[in-house]
Amino acid sequence: MLDETFTIEDGVLIRRVIPQRGAPYEHTCTKQVYDDVAYAIEQLGAATFTGEMIQDRIDAPHTQVMTAMAFLKERGCIVPARERRHRAASDFVYEDAMIEWHALREDAPGA
C-alpha cells in the first residue's frame, strides 16, 4: 500500500509517494505532457491501453506519463480494465482531466 499525494506547484503536477518499505520519492509531469496523455486516451475511445502504449503514442518521458495516469486513475478519469490495462471512464476523458487538473490547482495552498 502506498501513501500517495498529488499537488500542482509552479504549473507542474507532482506525485509524492511514501511506500511501506523503501525511501519516499516523487515524480513530476508537465502540463503539456498531462494534456497529451489525456488527449491520447480520449482518442482511443473505448479501447484499453497501458502506460507504455500512451508513452509510445505521445513520445514523452515514462515517469511523466505514469504520473499523469496515476492522477487520472485517482480522480476516476481512467479505470482499471484487466492486467495492467486501463480504459477511459467516460467519452470526455480530456475534459474530465482538465477539470481535475484545475480543481487540484485551485485547491493548492496559496492558490
Foldseek 3Di string as FASTA:
>chain_A
DWDWDWAADPQKIKIWIDDPDDDIDIDIAHPVVLLQLQVVQLVVPFDKDALVVSCVVVVDDSRRSVSSVVQCPVQQQWDDDDDRIIHGNDNPSSVVSVVSVVVRHVVDPPD
